[in-house]
Structure formats: structure tokens, C-alpha cells
C-alpha atoms as a PDB file:
ATOM      1  CA  MET A   1       0.259   0.326   0.179  1.00  0.00           C
ATOM      2  CA  ALA A   2       2.860   2.414   0.265  1.00  0.00           C
ATOM      3  CA  ASN A   3       2.945   2.407  -3.385  1.00  0.00           C
ATOM      4  CA  SER A   4       1.361   5.299  -5.406  1.00  0.00           C
ATOM      5  CA  LEU A   5      -1.594   4.614  -7.620  1.00  0.00           C
ATOM      6  CA  GLN A   6       0.801   5.658 -10.433  1.00  0.00           C
ATOM      7  CA  ASP A   7       3.302   3.160  -9.436  1.00  0.00           C
ATOM      8  CA  GLN A   8       0.507   0.236  -9.355  1.00  0.00           C
ATOM      9  CA  LEU A   9      -1.064   0.839 -12.004  1.00  0.00           C
ATOM     10  CA  LEU A  10       2.569   0.977 -14.022  1.00  0.00           C
ATOM     11  CA  LYS A  11       3.488  -2.833 -12.307  1.00  0.00           C
ATOM     12  CA  ALA A  12       0.289  -3.987 -13.883  1.00  0.00           C
ATOM     13  CA  GLY A  13       1.247  -2.950 -16.935  1.00  0.00           C
ATOM     14  CA  LEU A  14      -2.020  -1.007 -17.388  1.00  0.00           C
ATOM     15  CA  VAL A  15      -0.005   2.270 -18.052  1.00  0.00           C
ATOM     16  CA  ASN A  16       3.534   2.929 -19.677  1.00  0.00           C
ATOM     17  CA  GLU A  17       5.948   5.072 -18.155  1.00  0.00           C
ATOM     18  CA  GLN A  18       5.290   7.941 -21.032  1.00  0.00           C
ATOM     19  CA  GLN A  19       2.032   8.194 -19.825  1.00  0.00           C
ATOM     20  CA  VAL A  20       2.390   8.647 -16.313  1.00  0.00           C
ATOM     21  CA  LYS A  21       5.259  11.560 -16.940  1.00  0.00           C
ATOM     22  CA  GLN A  22       2.524  12.747 -19.121  1.00  0.00           C
ATOM     23  CA  ALA A  23       0.001  12.714 -16.365  1.00  0.00           C
ATOM     24  CA  GLN A  24       2.780  14.404 -13.645  1.00  0.00           C
ATOM     25  CA  THR A  25       3.178  17.106 -16.497  1.00  0.00           C
ATOM     26  CA  LYS A  26      -0.316  17.904 -16.670  1.00  0.00           C
ATOM     27  CA  LYS A  27      -0.463  18.262 -13.107  1.00  0.00           C
ATOM     28  CA  ARG A  28       2.301  20.467 -12.510  1.00  0.00           C
ATOM     29  CA  LYS A  29       0.715  22.940 -14.990  1.00  0.00           C
ATOM     30  CA  GLN A  30      -2.728  22.541 -13.447  1.00  0.00           C
ATOM     31  CA  LYS A  31      -0.884  23.553 -10.035  1.00  0.00           C
ATOM     32  CA  ARG A  32       1.019  26.891 -11.766  1.00  0.00           C
ATOM     33  CA  ALA A  33      -1.885  28.037 -13.649  1.00  0.00           C
ATOM     34  CA  GLY A  34      -3.887  27.842 -10.666  1.00  0.00           C
ATOM     35  CA  GLY A  35      -6.058  25.036 -11.875  1.00  0.00           C
ATOM     36  CA  GLY A  36      -5.599  23.536  -8.127  1.00  0.00           C
ATOM     37  CA  LYS A  37      -6.692  25.925  -6.120  1.00  0.00           C
ATOM     38  CA  SER A  38      -9.818  26.283  -4.624  1.00  0.00           C
ATOM     39  CA  ALA A  39     -12.794  29.141  -4.640  1.00  0.00           C
ATOM     40  CA  GLU A  40     -11.699  29.630  -0.727  1.00  0.00           C
ATOM     41  CA  SER A  41      -8.145  29.731  -0.833  1.00  0.00           C
ATOM     42  CA  VAL A  42      -8.842  32.411  -4.006  1.00  0.00           C
ATOM     43  CA  GLN A  43     -10.848  34.456  -1.769  1.00  0.00           C
ATOM     44  CA  ARG A  44      -8.392  34.468   1.171  1.00  0.00           C
ATOM     45  CA  GLY A  45      -5.279  35.784  -1.286  1.00  0.00           C
ATOM     46  CA  ALA A  46      -7.730  38.693  -2.189  1.00  0.00           C
ATOM     47  CA  GLU A  47      -8.955  39.536   1.450  1.00  0.00           C
ATOM     48  CA  VAL A  48      -4.732  39.550   2.413  1.00  0.00           C
ATOM     49  CA  GLN A  49      -3.891  41.657  -1.018  1.00  0.00           C
ATOM     50  CA  GLN A  50      -6.815  43.838   0.167  1.00  0.00           C
ATOM     51  CA  ALA A  51      -5.176  44.171   3.841  1.00  0.00           C
ATOM     52  CA  ALA A  52      -2.083  45.562   2.578  1.00  0.00           C
ATOM     53  CA  ALA A  53      -3.385  47.659   0.443  1.00  0.00           C
ATOM     54  CA  GLU A  54      -5.642  49.103   3.158  1.00  0.00           C
ATOM     55  CA  LYS A  55      -2.108  48.722   5.715  1.00  0.00           C
ATOM     56  CA  ARG A  56       0.103  50.553   2.729  1.00  0.00           C
ATOM     57  CA  ARG A  57      -2.841  53.613   2.418  1.00  0.00           C
ATOM     58  CA  ARG A  58      -2.858  53.779   6.383  1.00  0.00           C
ATOM     59  CA  ASP A  59       1.342  54.165   6.219  1.00  0.00           C
ATOM     60  CA  GLN A  60       1.097  56.596   3.587  1.00  0.00           C
ATOM     61  CA  GLU A  61      -1.173  58.354   5.456  1.00  0.00           C
ATOM     62  CA  LEU A  62       0.720  58.559   9.133  1.00  0.00           C
ATOM     63  CA  ASN A  63       3.896  59.485   6.940  1.00  0.00           C
ATOM     64  CA  ARG A  64       2.445  62.176   5.140  1.00  0.00           C
ATOM     65  CA  GLN A  65       1.059  63.567   8.847  1.00  0.00           C
ATOM     66  CA  ARG A  66       4.755  63.225  10.276  1.00  0.00           C
ATOM     67  CA  GLU A  67       5.793  65.011   7.533  1.00  0.00           C
ATOM     68  CA  GLU A  68       3.339  67.743   7.574  1.00  0.00           C
ATOM     69  CA  GLU A  69       4.003  67.838  11.219  1.00  0.00           C
ATOM     70  CA  ARG A  70       7.677  68.315  11.088  1.00  0.00           C
ATOM     71  CA  ARG A  71       7.424  71.055   8.463  1.00  0.00           C
ATOM     72  CA  ARG A  72       4.968  72.647  10.970  1.00  0.00           C
ATOM     73  CA  LYS A  73       7.708  72.722  13.739  1.00  0.00           C
ATOM     74  CA  ALA A  74      10.459  73.564  11.484  1.00  0.00           C
ATOM     75  CA  GLU A  75       8.475  76.587  10.392  1.00  0.00           C
ATOM     76  CA  GLN A  76       7.369  77.455  13.920  1.00  0.00           C
ATOM     77  CA  VAL A  77      11.332  77.545  14.934  1.00  0.00           C
ATOM     78  CA  ALA A  78      12.208  79.427  11.836  1.00  0.00           C
ATOM     79  CA  LEU A  79       9.451  81.895  12.679  1.00  0.00           C
ATOM     80  CA  TRP A  80      11.185  81.944  16.352  1.00  0.00           C
ATOM     81  CA  GLN A  81      14.298  82.468  15.297  1.00  0.00           C
ATOM     82  CA  LEU A  82      13.476  85.726  12.941  1.00  0.00           C
ATOM     83  CA  VAL A  83      10.915  87.019  15.965  1.00  0.00           C
ATOM     84  CA  HIS A  84      14.691  86.959  17.856  1.00  0.00           C
ATOM     85  CA  ASP A  85      16.706  88.535  15.362  1.00  0.00           C
ATOM     86  CA  SER A  86      14.415  90.856  14.627  1.00  0.00           C
ATOM     87  CA  ARG A  87      12.934  92.283  17.655  1.00  0.00           C
ATOM     88  CA  VAL A  88      13.241  95.737  18.357  1.00  0.00           C
ATOM     89  CA  SER A  89      14.712  96.933  21.492  1.00  0.00           C
ATOM     90  CA  ARG A  90      12.623  98.464  24.195  1.00  0.00           C
ATOM     91  CA  ASP A  91      15.459  99.954  25.956  1.00  0.00           C
ATOM     92  CA  GLY A  92      14.751 103.474  27.842  1.00  0.00           C
ATOM     93  CA  GLY A  93      11.137 102.896  27.243  1.00  0.00           C
ATOM     94  CA  ASP A  94       8.968 105.721  29.315  1.00  0.00           C
ATOM     95  CA  ARG A  95       5.583 105.358  27.966  1.00  0.00           C
ATOM     96  CA  ALA A  96       3.364 103.020  29.115  1.00  0.00           C
ATOM     97  CA  TYR A  97       1.571 101.311  25.975  1.00  0.00           C
ATOM     98  CA  ASN A  98      -1.518  99.052  26.882  1.00  0.00           C
ATOM     99  CA  PHE A  99      -2.855  96.144  24.540  1.00  0.00           C
ATOM    100  CA  ALA A 100      -4.924  93.310  24.822  1.00  0.00           C
ATOM    101  CA  ASP A 101      -3.910  89.746  24.840  1.00  0.00           C
ATOM    102  CA  GLY A 102      -6.895  88.059  24.568  1.00  0.00           C
ATOM    103  CA  THR A 103      -8.778  88.631  27.682  1.00  0.00           C
ATOM    104  CA  ALA A 104      -5.709  89.896  29.619  1.00  0.00           C
ATOM    105  CA  LEU A 105      -4.477  93.842  29.424  1.00  0.00           C
ATOM    106  CA  LYS A 106      -1.049  93.574  28.768  1.00  0.00           C
ATOM    107  CA  ARG A 107       1.533  97.060  29.487  1.00  0.00           C
ATOM    108  CA  LEU A 108       4.590  97.034  27.623  1.00  0.00           C
ATOM    109  CA  TYR A 109       7.288 100.391  28.219  1.00  0.00           C
ATOM    110  CA  VAL A 110       7.976 102.087  24.934  1.00  0.00           C
ATOM    111  CA  SER A 111       9.790 105.344  23.426  1.00  0.00           C
ATOM    112  CA  ALA A 112       7.166 107.978  21.746  1.00  0.00           C
ATOM    113  CA  ALA A 113       8.579 106.963  18.435  1.00  0.00           C
ATOM    114  CA  GLN A 114       7.868 103.241  18.919  1.00  0.00           C
ATOM    115  CA  GLN A 115       4.434 104.330  20.554  1.00  0.00           C
ATOM    116  CA  GLN A 116       3.629 106.217  17.570  1.00  0.00           C
ATOM    117  CA  ALA A 117       4.948 103.486  15.372  1.00  0.00           C
ATOM    118  CA  LEU A 118       2.786 101.064  17.166  1.00  0.00           C
ATOM    119  CA  VAL A 119      -0.610 102.935  16.373  1.00  0.00           C
ATOM    120  CA  ASP A 120       0.440 103.832  13.133  1.00  0.00           C
ATOM    121  CA  GLY A 121       1.344  99.980  12.167  1.00  0.00           C
ATOM    122  CA  GLY A 122       5.061 100.681  11.533  1.00  0.00           C
ATOM    123  CA  LEU A 123       5.680  97.867  14.743  1.00  0.00           C
ATOM    124  CA  ALA A 124       3.788  94.762  15.818  1.00  0.00           C
ATOM    125  CA  ILE A 125       3.640  93.238  19.036  1.00  0.00           C
ATOM    126  CA  VAL A 126       3.879  89.217  19.221  1.00  0.00           C
ATOM    127  CA  ARG A 127       3.806  86.687  21.777  1.00  0.00           C
ATOM    128  CA  HIS A 128       7.579  85.247  21.913  1.00  0.00           C
ATOM    129  CA  GLU A 129       7.755  82.594  24.614  1.00  0.00           C
ATOM    130  CA  SER A 130       6.302  84.008  27.842  1.00  0.00           C
ATOM    131  CA  PHE A 131       7.481  87.200  26.724  1.00  0.00           C
ATOM    132  CA  TYR A 132       5.954  90.233  24.171  1.00  0.00           C
ATOM    133  CA  GLU A 133       8.349  91.586  21.764  1.00  0.00           C
ATOM    134  CA  LEU A 134       7.852  94.795  19.503  1.00  0.00           C
ATOM    135  CA  VAL A 135       8.546  93.526  15.685  1.00  0.00           C
ATOM    136  CA  PRO A 136       8.846  95.358  12.103  1.00  0.00           C
ATOM    137  CA  PRO A 137       5.808  94.685   9.767  1.00  0.00           C
ATOM    138  CA  SER A 138       7.809  92.191   7.903  1.00  0.00           C
ATOM    139  CA  VAL A 139       7.914  89.818  10.494  1.00  0.00           C
ATOM    140  CA  ALA A 140       4.625  90.689  11.528  1.00  0.00           C
ATOM    141  CA  GLU A 141       3.712  89.442   8.146  1.00  0.00           C
ATOM    142  CA  ARG A 142       4.914  86.183   8.257  1.00  0.00           C
ATOM    143  CA  ALA A 143       4.230  85.364  11.736  1.00  0.00           C
ATOM    144  CA  GLN A 144       0.287  85.998  10.716  1.00  0.00           C
ATOM    145  CA  GLN A 145       1.524  83.439   8.003  1.00  0.00           C
ATOM    146  CA  VAL A 146       3.102  80.995   9.890  1.00  0.00           C
ATOM    147  CA  ASP A 147       1.290  81.276  13.212  1.00  0.00           C
ATOM    148  CA  PRO A 148      -1.204  83.984  14.003  1.00  0.00           C
ATOM    149  CA  THR A 149      -2.004  82.816  17.669  1.00  0.00           C
ATOM    150  CA  ILE A 150       1.393  85.142  18.375  1.00  0.00           C
ATOM    151  CA  LEU A 151       0.480  88.144  16.602  1.00  0.00           C
ATOM    152  CA  VAL A 152      -0.489  89.801  19.724  1.00  0.00           C
ATOM    153  CA  LEU A 153      -1.045  93.449  17.757  1.00  0.00           C
ATOM    154  CA  TRP A 154      -0.646  94.941  14.555  1.00  0.00           C
ATOM    155  CA  ASN A 155      -2.327  98.246  13.635  1.00  0.00           C
ATOM    156  CA  ARG A 156      -2.685  97.430  10.214  1.00  0.00           C
ATOM    157  CA  SER A 157      -4.476 100.535   7.937  1.00  0.00           C
ATOM    158  CA  GLU A 158      -7.446  98.775   6.455  1.00  0.00           C
ATOM    159  CA  PRO A 159      -9.604 100.540   3.718  1.00  0.00           C
ATOM    160  CA  ASN A 160     -12.634 101.945   4.858  1.00  0.00           C
ATOM    161  CA  GLU A 161     -15.848 100.283   4.346  1.00  0.00           C
ATOM    162  CA  PRO A 162     -18.265 102.484   1.755  1.00  0.00           C
ATOM    163  CA  ASP A 163     -21.145 101.991   4.220  1.00  0.00           C
ATOM    164  CA  ASP A 164     -19.401 103.195   7.468  1.00  0.00           C
ATOM    165  CA  PRO A 165     -21.356 105.659   8.697  1.00  0.00           C
ATOM    166  CA  TYR A 166     -18.391 106.604  11.045  1.00  0.00           C
ATOM    167  CA  ALA A 167     -15.864 106.659   8.845  1.00  0.00           C
ATOM    168  CA  GLU A 168     -15.594 110.598   8.568  1.00  0.00           C
ATOM    169  CA  PHE A 169     -14.790 110.557  12.201  1.00  0.00           C
ATOM    170  CA  GLU A 170     -11.155 109.607  13.098  1.00  0.00           C
ATOM    171  CA  VAL A 171     -10.255 108.289  16.516  1.00  0.00           C
ATOM    172  CA  PRO A 172      -6.791 110.257  18.006  1.00  0.00           C
ATOM    173  CA  ASP A 173      -3.572 109.272  18.051  1.00  0.00           C
ATOM    174  CA  ASP A 174      -2.573 110.340  21.645  1.00  0.00           C
ATOM    175  CA  LEU A 175      -5.843 108.755  23.042  1.00  0.00           C
ATOM    176  CA  MET A 176      -4.531 106.638  26.220  1.00  0.00           C
ATOM    177  CA  TRP A 177      -6.550 103.737  27.856  1.00  0.00           C
END
């Protein structure tokens, strides 16, 4: 019983060696062509391929998110460096300039020229770490593009609306609050 059916048929003389080789060749070709696969194994293979495609998609999305986070952090560091390098010195400031940071009222001591520049939009105030810095408008523009939350005050001149009933009344520059 240890002999295969092909060996038994060959010994009995019912088939010759040529027919055995042809049968083996045909069997191998069917396996290669997928003829030997069952419907269940085909379905399992499709599920494996679908799972691999889903995993690749998730990995690509995760890599995209990581790259976006890395880019955002690099821009943040570059902005902090730009603020640090471009800040305007407030040494000798004798006037208190009050401004609102969210719901908190804050005060910076600035010179008369710096106060006028803040009012006119020639300077802006940004929050740098736990301090407030005076920066030129070019840095304020960059801060607004990268991280608008650090821009505390920038009095840009905006075009007047044509239907504004108070357009002819200007706020005095020397108004202190």
C-alpha cells in the first residue's frame, strides 16, 4: 500500500512510463496555472491583498501626517528665530503702552517714537515664549502666515468701508486708555 496509484498501475502494466510522465506534467501545469486552487484559497488571497493595500494606505497617511508635523515645527522654529533676530529694543521706554492679549490687558514700556509706530502700524507686538516683543511689519506678516496666534497686535490700515457711517470720524492718535 506504500506505492502510489501510478506505481501500481505501472506494475500492473495498465499504463506505460510515457503516460505517467504526461500525467505528472499535466498535474504540475495545473498547479502553476492556479487550476489546483480552491475558491476558498482564492478568496483568502484576495483578502490578504486587500489588507496589505489598506495597510499601505494607512502607512502613507501616517507618513504624510508626520511630514506635515515636521514641516510645521520647522516653520515654527524659523519664525521664533526670525522674531528673536528682528525684535526692536525697548531700552529707555518711558511710556506705557497698553494692549489686550486675549482677555488679559498687558503693558509694555516703549519710547514715544515706538508708540507712534505701534499706532501707525509700523511696529507690531508678538508673543515670543512668555515675553512680548516689538517687531517690524515684515516679521508680523510672516508671523500671521505661519502662526497667527503669536501675533498679538498689529494696527494695519484697512480700507474704509463705503457704507461706514463713522468713516469721517477718526480716533485721535494720542488717546490713552
